[in-house]
N, C-alpha and C. Protein backbone atom coordinates (compact mmCIF):
# COMPACT_ATOMS: atom_id res chain seq x y z
N UNK A 1 -25.72 14.35 -6.82
CA UNK A 1 -26.20 13.39 -6.02
C UNK A 1 -25.80 11.80 -6.11
N UNK A 2 -25.76 10.97 -7.24
CA UNK A 2 -25.52 9.89 -7.58
C UNK A 2 -23.98 9.90 -7.76
N UNK A 3 -23.45 10.88 -8.01
CA UNK A 3 -21.97 10.92 -7.83
C UNK A 3 -21.47 10.80 -6.44
N UNK A 4 -22.03 11.62 -5.23
CA UNK A 4 -21.58 11.54 -4.01
C UNK A 4 -21.95 10.44 -3.16
N UNK A 5 -22.61 9.63 -3.67
CA UNK A 5 -23.40 8.42 -3.22
C UNK A 5 -22.49 7.47 -3.48
N UNK A 6 -21.71 7.62 -4.89
CA UNK A 6 -20.86 6.21 -5.76
C UNK A 6 -19.60 7.03 -4.80
N UNK A 7 -19.26 7.94 -4.57
CA UNK A 7 -17.91 8.54 -3.99
C UNK A 7 -18.05 8.02 -2.49
N UNK A 8 -19.25 8.25 -1.65
CA UNK A 8 -19.16 7.83 -0.45
C UNK A 8 -18.82 5.98 -0.16
N UNK A 9 -19.32 5.45 -1.43
CA UNK A 9 -19.57 4.15 -1.36
C UNK A 9 -17.87 3.43 -1.48
N UNK A 10 -17.28 4.12 -2.52
CA UNK A 10 -15.96 4.12 -2.63
C UNK A 10 -14.82 4.87 -1.60
N UNK A 11 -15.31 5.82 -0.89
CA UNK A 11 -14.60 6.31 0.21
C UNK A 11 -14.51 5.34 1.49
N UNK A 12 -16.06 4.86 1.54
CA UNK A 12 -15.71 3.61 2.79
C UNK A 12 -15.43 2.52 2.50
N UNK A 13 -15.35 2.01 1.25
CA UNK A 13 -14.62 0.81 0.93
C UNK A 13 -12.96 0.67 0.99
N UNK A 14 -12.50 2.14 0.59
CA UNK A 14 -11.15 2.48 0.78
C UNK A 14 -10.52 2.49 1.83
N UNK A 15 -11.35 2.91 2.95
CA UNK A 15 -11.02 2.70 4.37
C UNK A 15 -11.08 1.43 4.83
N UNK A 16 -12.26 0.40 4.35
CA UNK A 16 -11.96 -0.66 4.69
C UNK A 16 -10.55 -1.07 4.37
N UNK A 17 -10.04 -1.11 3.25
CA UNK A 17 -8.96 -1.56 2.53
C UNK A 17 -7.61 -1.07 3.34
N UNK A 18 -7.70 0.30 3.86
CA UNK A 18 -6.60 1.17 4.86
C UNK A 18 -6.61 0.10 6.00
N UNK A 19 -7.64 -0.07 6.43
CA UNK A 19 -7.39 -1.03 7.81
C UNK A 19 -7.37 -2.48 7.83
N UNK A 20 -7.44 -2.88 6.22
CA UNK A 20 -6.42 -4.04 6.06
C UNK A 20 -4.99 -4.45 5.63
N UNK A 21 -4.60 -2.94 5.50
CA UNK A 21 -3.26 -2.43 4.83
C UNK A 21 -3.32 -3.06 3.47
N UNK A 22 -4.38 -3.15 2.84
CA UNK A 22 -4.44 -3.25 1.05
C UNK A 22 -4.46 -2.10 0.49
N UNK A 23 -2.89 -1.29 0.43
CA UNK A 23 -2.93 -0.04 0.14
C UNK A 23 -3.07 0.09 -1.26
N UNK A 24 -2.75 -0.62 -2.06
CA UNK A 24 -3.16 -0.45 -3.52
C UNK A 24 -4.36 -0.46 -4.28
N UNK A 25 -5.21 -1.33 -3.32
CA UNK A 25 -6.48 -1.49 -3.34
C UNK A 25 -7.30 -0.39 -3.24
N UNK A 26 -7.12 0.01 -2.00
CA UNK A 26 -8.00 1.53 -1.66
C UNK A 26 -7.17 2.63 -2.55
N UNK A 27 -6.38 2.75 -2.56
CA UNK A 27 -6.04 3.92 -3.97
C UNK A 27 -6.31 3.62 -5.10
N UNK A 28 -6.84 2.43 -5.34
CA UNK A 28 -7.35 1.90 -6.99
C UNK A 28 -8.65 2.53 -6.59
N UNK A 29 -9.78 2.44 -5.70
CA UNK A 29 -10.88 2.30 -5.59
C UNK A 29 -11.12 4.40 -5.35
N UNK A 30 -10.26 4.75 -5.02
CA UNK A 30 -10.37 6.54 -4.79
C UNK A 30 -9.91 6.69 -6.29
N UNK A 31 -9.58 6.68 -6.82
CA UNK A 31 -8.85 7.39 -8.33
C UNK A 31 -9.86 8.32 -8.75
N UNK A 32 -11.10 7.78 -8.80
CA UNK A 32 -12.04 8.57 -9.46
C UNK A 32 -12.76 9.57 -8.71
N UNK A 33 -12.67 9.64 -7.38
CA UNK A 33 -13.55 10.62 -6.68
C UNK A 33 -13.00 11.66 -6.55
N UNK A 34 -14.31 12.46 -6.11
CA UNK A 34 -13.78 14.07 -6.16
C UNK A 34 -14.14 14.45 -5.17
N UNK A 35 -14.31 13.93 -4.14
CA UNK A 35 -14.25 14.37 -2.78
C UNK A 35 -13.22 14.44 -1.91
N UNK A 36 -12.99 15.36 -1.13
CA UNK A 36 -11.61 15.67 -0.85
C UNK A 36 -10.97 14.85 0.20
N UNK A 37 -12.04 14.32 0.81
CA UNK A 37 -11.46 12.76 1.30
C UNK A 37 -11.13 11.90 0.73
N UNK A 38 -11.76 11.74 -0.18
CA UNK A 38 -11.72 10.18 -1.13
C UNK A 38 -10.13 10.81 -1.59
N UNK A 39 -9.75 11.85 -1.97
CA UNK A 39 -8.73 12.37 -2.58
C UNK A 39 -7.58 11.89 -1.41
N UNK A 40 -7.51 12.63 -0.32
CA UNK A 40 -6.96 12.19 0.66
C UNK A 40 -6.43 10.77 0.83
N UNK A 41 -7.70 9.87 1.19
CA UNK A 41 -7.15 8.55 1.06
C UNK A 41 -6.86 8.15 -0.29
N UNK A 42 -6.78 8.37 -1.45
CA UNK A 42 -6.30 8.10 -2.61
C UNK A 42 -4.78 8.30 -2.33
N UNK A 43 -4.47 9.72 -1.98
CA UNK A 43 -2.57 10.29 -1.98
C UNK A 43 -2.27 9.32 -0.39
N UNK A 44 -2.97 9.45 0.41
CA UNK A 44 -2.52 8.58 1.42
C UNK A 44 -2.13 7.38 1.39
N UNK A 45 -2.82 6.41 0.63
CA UNK A 45 -2.85 4.89 0.24
C UNK A 45 -1.81 5.07 -0.76
N UNK A 46 -1.47 5.68 -1.48
CA UNK A 46 -0.37 5.85 -2.88
C UNK A 46 1.05 5.37 -1.75
N UNK A 47 1.13 6.57 -0.87
CA UNK A 47 1.89 6.70 -0.29
C UNK A 47 2.50 5.40 1.00
N UNK A 48 1.37 4.81 1.05
CA UNK A 48 1.73 3.82 2.10
C UNK A 48 2.08 2.53 1.35
N UNK A 49 1.19 2.40 0.14
CA UNK A 49 1.99 1.57 -0.61
C UNK A 49 3.30 1.62 -1.04
N UNK A 50 3.84 2.54 -1.53
CA UNK A 50 5.25 2.82 -1.81
C UNK A 50 6.31 2.06 -0.84
N UNK A 51 5.39 3.08 0.64
CA UNK A 51 6.73 2.93 1.71
C UNK A 51 6.51 1.38 2.16
N UNK A 52 5.47 0.60 1.91
CA UNK A 52 4.97 -0.89 2.04
C UNK A 52 6.07 -1.62 1.31
N UNK A 53 6.32 -1.07 -0.03
CA UNK A 53 7.18 -1.90 -1.11
C UNK A 53 8.67 -1.66 -0.75
N UNK A 54 8.98 -0.52 -0.41
CA UNK A 54 10.02 -0.08 0.03
C UNK A 54 10.90 -0.82 1.19
N UNK A 55 9.91 -1.01 2.18
CA UNK A 55 10.16 -2.24 3.71
C UNK A 55 10.40 -3.21 2.87
N UNK A 56 9.28 -4.00 2.22
CA UNK A 56 9.40 -5.38 1.88
C UNK A 56 10.79 -5.49 1.12
N UNK A 57 11.21 -4.30 0.14
CA UNK A 57 12.54 -4.91 -0.62
C UNK A 57 13.73 -5.02 0.16
N UNK A 58 13.65 -3.81 0.80
CA UNK A 58 14.93 -3.75 1.96
C UNK A 58 15.09 -5.21 2.72
N UNK A 59 14.01 -5.72 2.99
CA UNK A 59 13.87 -7.03 4.00
C UNK A 59 14.11 -7.95 3.21
N UNK A 60 14.01 -8.05 2.15
CA UNK A 60 14.09 -9.31 1.26
C UNK A 60 15.67 -9.24 0.63
N UNK A 61 16.07 -7.67 0.29
CA UNK A 61 17.20 -7.32 0.14
C UNK A 61 18.50 -8.24 0.86
N UNK A 62 18.12 -7.69 2.41
CA UNK A 62 19.11 -8.29 3.42
C UNK A 62 18.87 -9.63 3.71
N UNK A 63 17.56 -10.11 3.43
CA UNK A 63 17.38 -11.67 4.03
C UNK A 63 18.66 -12.32 2.68
N UNK A 64 18.46 -11.85 1.81
CA UNK A 64 19.49 -12.81 0.41
C UNK A 64 20.91 -12.64 1.07
N UNK A 65 21.28 -11.18 1.31
CA UNK A 65 22.94 -11.10 1.71
C UNK A 65 23.04 -11.70 2.86
N UNK A 66 22.00 -11.96 4.21
CA UNK A 66 22.20 -12.49 5.02
C UNK A 66 22.44 -14.32 4.79
N UNK A 67 21.82 -14.87 3.95
CA UNK A 67 21.77 -15.79 3.61
C UNK A 67 23.28 -16.44 3.13
N UNK A 68 23.69 -14.79 2.13
CA UNK A 68 24.99 -15.52 1.32
C UNK A 68 25.96 -15.52 2.48
N UNK A 69 26.01 -14.78 3.49
CA UNK A 69 26.91 -14.07 4.28
C UNK A 69 27.09 -15.94 5.04
N UNK A 70 26.40 -16.28 5.36
CA UNK A 70 25.98 -17.32 6.13
C UNK A 70 26.74 -18.65 5.33
N UNK A 71 26.27 -18.43 4.49
CA UNK A 71 26.62 -19.85 3.48
C UNK A 71 28.73 -19.66 3.32
N UNK A 72 28.57 -18.40 2.81
CA UNK A 72 30.20 -18.45 2.98
C UNK A 72 31.05 -18.52 4.12
N UNK A 73 30.18 -18.30 5.41
CA UNK A 73 31.01 -18.35 6.55
C UNK A 73 31.19 -20.12 6.48
N UNK A 74 30.11 -20.81 6.42
CA UNK A 74 30.18 -22.48 6.39
C UNK A 74 31.31 -22.63 5.88
N UNK A 75 31.39 -22.24 4.72
CA UNK A 75 32.28 -23.09 3.70
C UNK A 75 33.66 -22.96 4.27
N UNK A 76 33.91 -21.83 4.70
CA UNK A 76 35.17 -21.57 5.02
C UNK A 76 35.85 -22.43 6.62
């Protein structure tokens, strides 16, 4: 009974973090939960965190490339 209440608390907290797009935090709070819903939130949050990192890294790399290209263009 106590673990169900704790799982529910962690589940609702993780759902709130998902709404705020804090995916790593959502995954952290559900990693020890045993319910199916909390496990889904954990896996989905980890997936979304990875996708967010991938997109952020791609944007950073593109921005650096663009700045380098503009710098070279104005030097010539």
